[in-house]
Amino acid sequence: MSEDLSGAPSTDVRVRVLRVGERALLVELDGGAEAEAFHAEVLRRRAAGALPAVREVVPAARTVLLDGVADPDRLAAELPGWEVGPLSARVERVVEVPVRYDGPDLAEVAAYWGVSVEEAVRIHTAADFRVAFCGFAPGFGYLTGLGERYEVPRRATPRTAVPAGSVALAGPYTGVYPRSSPGGWQLIGTTDAVLWDTGRDPAALLSPGTRVRFTEERPGTPGNPRKPRNPRNGEGR
């Protein structure tokens, strides 16, 4: 059961604070961009030692969960008054993910955008992505950065098995499947990057707040030759 503890927000980012259990607060924002900015502010304050004791911070599409809060009533009263500044100035870590743009849905995505396949690849590699939140499967990050102009619908009929390493689009998000699983996202490419490795610290390659750049693996790259695209449908042969 949750209790609404919000006051009248004094900043341009409106928040609604809900008490969850004894030691957690769920902060609701107006949208994804606001949730990302608020999450970045939480991390900034934590790094600066200006955040009261919080054990775990879990962002989602339009919420940020603060769990293990030492004094939830005090923090709930403070949150609506936070000044949340620009997001871009806060993100430091950048992960580059090399991609072979050979996905079976690449040509369809390009057509949906009204551009050529080559231009679709250029658009995707030129974008500056950020991991908004994680979910669905261990290591799966929901990345924003393409903008509304390039949102695409999910497939009408999901695939029963999407290969691990598939780079995909759905709605405003880009994602990389860390393991084979069913999925309805549009597949535009493939990467050999390991998204989840329990022998690595941290196990996830992509964590909330991480900046990501996708780079194209050119044909003939040693060990990673890209399949030529079928000129009729844009797919690898």
Protein backbone atom coordinates (compact mmCIF):
# COMPACT_ATOMS: atom_id res chain seq x y z
CA MET A 1 0.00 0.00 0.00
CA SER A 2 1.32 3.47 -0.84
CA GLU A 3 0.64 6.90 0.65
CA ASP A 4 0.91 10.17 -1.30
CA LEU A 5 3.39 12.45 0.49
CA SER A 6 3.88 15.08 -2.21
CA GLY A 7 3.76 18.80 -1.65
CA ALA A 8 3.39 21.49 -4.27
CA PRO A 9 6.48 21.23 -6.50
CA SER A 10 8.67 24.33 -6.59
CA THR A 11 10.70 23.37 -9.66
CA ASP A 12 10.01 22.79 -13.33
CA VAL A 13 10.09 19.02 -12.75
CA ARG A 14 6.87 17.96 -11.07
CA VAL A 15 7.11 15.00 -8.74
CA ARG A 16 4.62 12.91 -6.83
CA VAL A 17 6.11 11.02 -3.91
CA LEU A 18 4.48 7.82 -2.70
CA ARG A 19 5.44 5.97 0.46
CA VAL A 20 6.03 2.27 -0.27
CA GLY A 21 6.34 0.04 2.78
CA GLU A 22 8.43 1.17 5.73
CA ARG A 23 11.62 2.35 4.04
CA ALA A 24 10.91 3.12 0.37
CA LEU A 25 9.68 6.04 -1.70
CA LEU A 26 8.32 5.85 -5.24
CA VAL A 27 8.80 9.13 -7.11
CA GLU A 28 6.43 9.58 -10.07
CA LEU A 29 7.37 11.98 -12.88
CA ASP A 30 5.42 13.38 -15.83
CA GLY A 31 7.37 11.45 -18.48
CA GLY A 32 10.48 9.57 -19.46
CA ALA A 33 12.71 12.61 -19.92
CA GLU A 34 11.76 13.93 -16.50
CA ALA A 35 12.40 10.54 -14.91
CA GLU A 36 15.86 10.37 -16.50
CA ALA A 37 16.74 13.87 -15.32
CA PHE A 38 15.49 13.14 -11.81
CA HIS A 39 17.44 9.87 -11.67
CA ALA A 40 20.59 11.72 -12.75
CA GLU A 41 20.01 14.27 -9.99
CA VAL A 42 19.70 11.48 -7.42
CA LEU A 43 23.01 10.00 -8.58
CA ARG A 44 24.69 13.41 -8.56
CA ARG A 45 23.57 14.13 -5.01
CA ARG A 46 24.60 10.67 -3.86
CA ALA A 47 28.09 11.09 -5.37
CA ALA A 48 28.41 14.50 -3.72
CA GLY A 49 27.34 13.14 -0.33
CA ALA A 50 24.23 15.34 -0.39
CA LEU A 51 21.68 12.52 -0.48
CA PRO A 52 20.33 11.07 2.80
CA ALA A 53 21.10 7.38 3.24
CA VAL A 54 19.41 5.37 0.47
CA ARG A 55 20.32 1.72 -0.12
CA GLU A 56 19.07 1.32 -3.70
CA VAL A 57 17.96 3.57 -6.57
CA VAL A 58 15.83 1.93 -9.27
CA PRO A 59 14.70 4.03 -12.28
CA ALA A 60 11.86 2.99 -14.58
CA ALA A 61 10.00 4.54 -17.51
CA ARG A 62 8.33 7.31 -15.46
CA THR A 63 9.32 6.58 -11.87
CA VAL A 64 12.35 6.34 -9.61
CA LEU A 65 12.22 4.01 -6.61
CA LEU A 66 14.32 4.92 -3.58
CA ASP A 67 14.63 1.88 -1.32
CA GLY A 68 16.21 1.51 2.09
CA VAL A 69 15.66 5.17 2.96
CA ALA A 70 16.90 5.98 6.46
CA ASP A 71 14.39 8.82 7.02
CA PRO A 72 11.62 8.52 4.40
CA ASP A 73 9.40 11.25 5.84
CA ARG A 74 12.19 13.82 5.72
CA LEU A 75 13.30 12.89 2.21
CA ALA A 76 9.71 12.85 0.93
CA ALA A 77 9.27 16.41 2.15
CA GLU A 78 12.51 17.54 0.44
CA LEU A 79 12.08 15.92 -2.99
CA PRO A 80 9.44 18.31 -4.44
CA GLY A 81 11.78 21.23 -3.82
CA TRP A 82 14.79 19.79 -5.64
CA GLU A 83 16.21 21.79 -8.55
CA VAL A 84 16.72 19.35 -11.41
CA GLY A 85 19.01 20.77 -14.06
CA PRO A 86 19.95 19.68 -17.61
CA LEU A 87 20.55 15.99 -18.08
CA SER A 88 23.34 16.15 -20.66
CA ALA A 89 25.87 17.79 -18.37
CA ARG A 90 25.65 15.01 -15.82
CA VAL A 91 26.46 11.82 -17.70
CA GLU A 92 30.12 10.82 -17.90
CA ARG A 93 30.58 7.12 -18.61
CA VAL A 94 30.39 6.21 -22.31
CA VAL A 95 30.19 2.67 -23.68
CA GLU A 96 30.75 2.03 -27.39
CA VAL A 97 28.88 -0.92 -28.87
CA PRO A 98 30.05 -2.12 -32.30
CA VAL A 99 27.15 -3.27 -34.49
CA ARG A 100 26.78 -5.15 -37.75
CA TYR A 101 23.71 -3.51 -39.26
CA ASP A 102 22.33 -6.69 -40.78
CA GLY A 103 19.01 -7.03 -38.94
CA PRO A 104 16.00 -8.51 -40.74
CA ASP A 105 13.88 -5.43 -39.95
CA LEU A 106 16.42 -2.77 -40.95
CA ALA A 107 14.88 -2.07 -44.37
CA GLU A 108 11.39 -1.85 -42.86
CA VAL A 109 12.62 0.60 -40.21
CA ALA A 110 14.33 2.71 -42.89
CA ALA A 111 11.11 2.77 -44.92
CA TYR A 112 9.13 3.77 -41.83
CA TRP A 113 11.53 6.67 -41.32
CA GLY A 114 11.35 7.55 -45.01
CA VAL A 115 15.10 7.17 -45.58
CA SER A 116 17.50 4.73 -47.24
CA VAL A 117 19.02 1.82 -45.33
CA GLU A 118 22.40 3.58 -45.34
CA GLU A 119 20.82 6.75 -43.92
CA ALA A 120 19.04 4.73 -41.21
CA VAL A 121 22.41 3.32 -40.12
CA ARG A 122 23.90 6.82 -40.10
CA ILE A 123 21.02 8.12 -37.96
CA HIS A 124 21.43 5.33 -35.44
CA THR A 125 25.20 5.64 -35.16
CA ALA A 126 25.04 9.45 -34.90
CA ALA A 127 22.70 9.42 -31.90
CA ASP A 128 23.92 9.91 -28.35
CA PHE A 129 22.08 7.30 -26.29
CA ARG A 130 21.55 7.03 -22.57
CA VAL A 131 20.34 4.05 -20.53
CA ALA A 132 17.08 5.28 -19.04
CA PHE A 133 16.39 2.11 -17.05
CA CYS A 134 16.87 -1.66 -17.14
CA GLY A 135 14.42 -4.54 -17.12
CA PHE A 136 12.87 -7.40 -19.09
CA ALA A 137 16.00 -9.56 -18.68
CA PRO A 138 19.29 -9.20 -16.77
CA GLY A 139 21.48 -6.79 -18.72
CA PHE A 140 18.71 -5.40 -20.94
CA GLY A 141 18.79 -1.61 -20.99
CA TYR A 142 16.15 0.72 -22.41
CA LEU A 143 18.11 3.40 -24.27
CA THR A 144 16.76 6.79 -25.27
CA GLY A 145 18.33 9.22 -27.71
CA LEU A 146 16.75 8.89 -31.14
CA GLY A 147 13.93 11.33 -30.48
CA GLU A 148 10.23 11.22 -31.32
CA ARG A 149 10.86 11.54 -35.06
CA TYR A 150 12.36 8.04 -35.12
CA GLU A 151 10.00 6.13 -32.86
CA VAL A 152 8.86 2.84 -34.42
CA PRO A 153 6.05 0.45 -33.48
CA ARG A 154 6.65 -3.05 -32.20
CA ARG A 155 6.12 -5.91 -34.62
CA ALA A 156 2.51 -6.99 -35.04
CA THR A 157 3.59 -10.59 -34.45
CA PRO A 158 6.44 -11.08 -31.96
CA ARG A 159 9.20 -13.56 -32.78
CA THR A 160 9.34 -16.70 -30.67
CA ALA A 161 13.12 -16.41 -30.45
CA VAL A 162 15.34 -13.34 -30.88
CA PRO A 163 19.08 -14.15 -30.98
CA ALA A 164 21.37 -12.87 -28.24
CA GLY A 165 23.16 -9.69 -29.30
CA SER A 166 20.29 -8.43 -31.46
CA VAL A 167 20.10 -4.63 -31.58
CA ALA A 168 16.47 -3.60 -31.71
CA LEU A 169 14.04 -0.67 -31.69
CA ALA A 170 10.57 -0.26 -30.20
CA GLY A 171 8.73 2.97 -29.44
CA PRO A 172 11.28 5.54 -28.26
CA TYR A 173 13.80 2.91 -27.15
CA THR A 174 16.82 1.07 -28.50
CA GLY A 175 17.79 -2.17 -26.77
CA VAL A 176 20.22 -5.06 -27.09
CA TYR A 177 19.02 -8.56 -26.26
CA PRO A 178 21.48 -10.04 -23.73
CA ARG A 179 20.23 -13.59 -24.38
CA SER A 180 17.96 -15.42 -26.76
CA SER A 181 14.32 -14.80 -25.88
CA PRO A 182 10.94 -14.06 -27.44
CA GLY A 183 10.50 -10.45 -28.52
CA GLY A 184 8.49 -8.05 -30.62
CA TRP A 185 11.07 -5.33 -31.23
CA GLN A 186 12.35 -4.36 -34.68
CA LEU A 187 15.76 -5.99 -35.27
CA ILE A 188 18.24 -3.73 -37.05
CA GLY A 189 21.61 -5.29 -36.25
CA THR A 190 23.83 -7.61 -34.25
CA THR A 191 26.62 -7.08 -31.74
CA ASP A 192 29.14 -9.41 -30.11
CA ALA A 193 29.23 -7.26 -26.96
CA VAL A 194 28.47 -9.26 -23.80
CA LEU A 195 25.63 -7.49 -22.06
CA TRP A 196 25.49 -9.65 -18.93
CA ASP A 197 28.39 -11.54 -17.35
CA THR A 198 28.16 -12.72 -13.74
CA GLY A 199 31.95 -13.05 -13.69
CA ARG A 200 32.30 -9.31 -14.32
CA ASP A 201 31.88 -6.47 -11.85
CA PRO A 202 29.43 -5.01 -12.55
CA ALA A 203 27.74 -7.88 -14.34
CA ALA A 204 25.75 -5.54 -16.59
CA LEU A 205 27.57 -3.71 -19.37
CA LEU A 206 24.80 -1.10 -19.49
CA SER A 207 23.46 0.41 -16.27
CA PRO A 208 21.03 3.31 -15.80
CA GLY A 209 22.70 6.63 -16.55
CA THR A 210 25.34 5.18 -18.86
CA ARG A 211 25.89 6.92 -22.19
CA VAL A 212 26.06 4.62 -25.21
CA ARG A 213 27.29 5.11 -28.76
CA PHE A 214 26.68 2.52 -31.46
CA THR A 215 29.44 2.19 -34.05
CA GLU A 216 29.11 0.40 -37.37
CA GLU A 217 31.35 -2.60 -38.05
CA ARG A 218 32.39 -2.13 -41.65
CA PRO A 219 32.53 -5.02 -44.13
CA GLY A 220 35.83 -6.81 -43.82
CA THR A 221 36.44 -5.95 -40.16
CA PRO A 222 38.78 -8.72 -38.89
CA GLY A 223 36.77 -11.41 -37.14
CA ASN A 224 33.50 -9.59 -37.76
CA PRO A 225 32.72 -9.47 -41.46
CA ARG A 226 29.29 -7.96 -42.12
CA LYS A 227 26.96 -9.86 -44.36
CA PRO A 228 26.13 -7.97 -47.55
CA ARG A 229 22.62 -6.56 -47.59
CA ASN A 230 20.10 -7.93 -50.01
CA PRO A 231 19.31 -4.94 -52.22
CA ARG A 232 15.68 -6.01 -52.38
CA ASN A 233 14.95 -6.14 -48.68
CA GLY A 234 18.00 -4.86 -46.83
CA GLU A 235 18.65 -8.18 -45.09
CA GLY A 236 21.93 -10.05 -44.81
CA ARG A 237 22.09 -13.04 -47.10
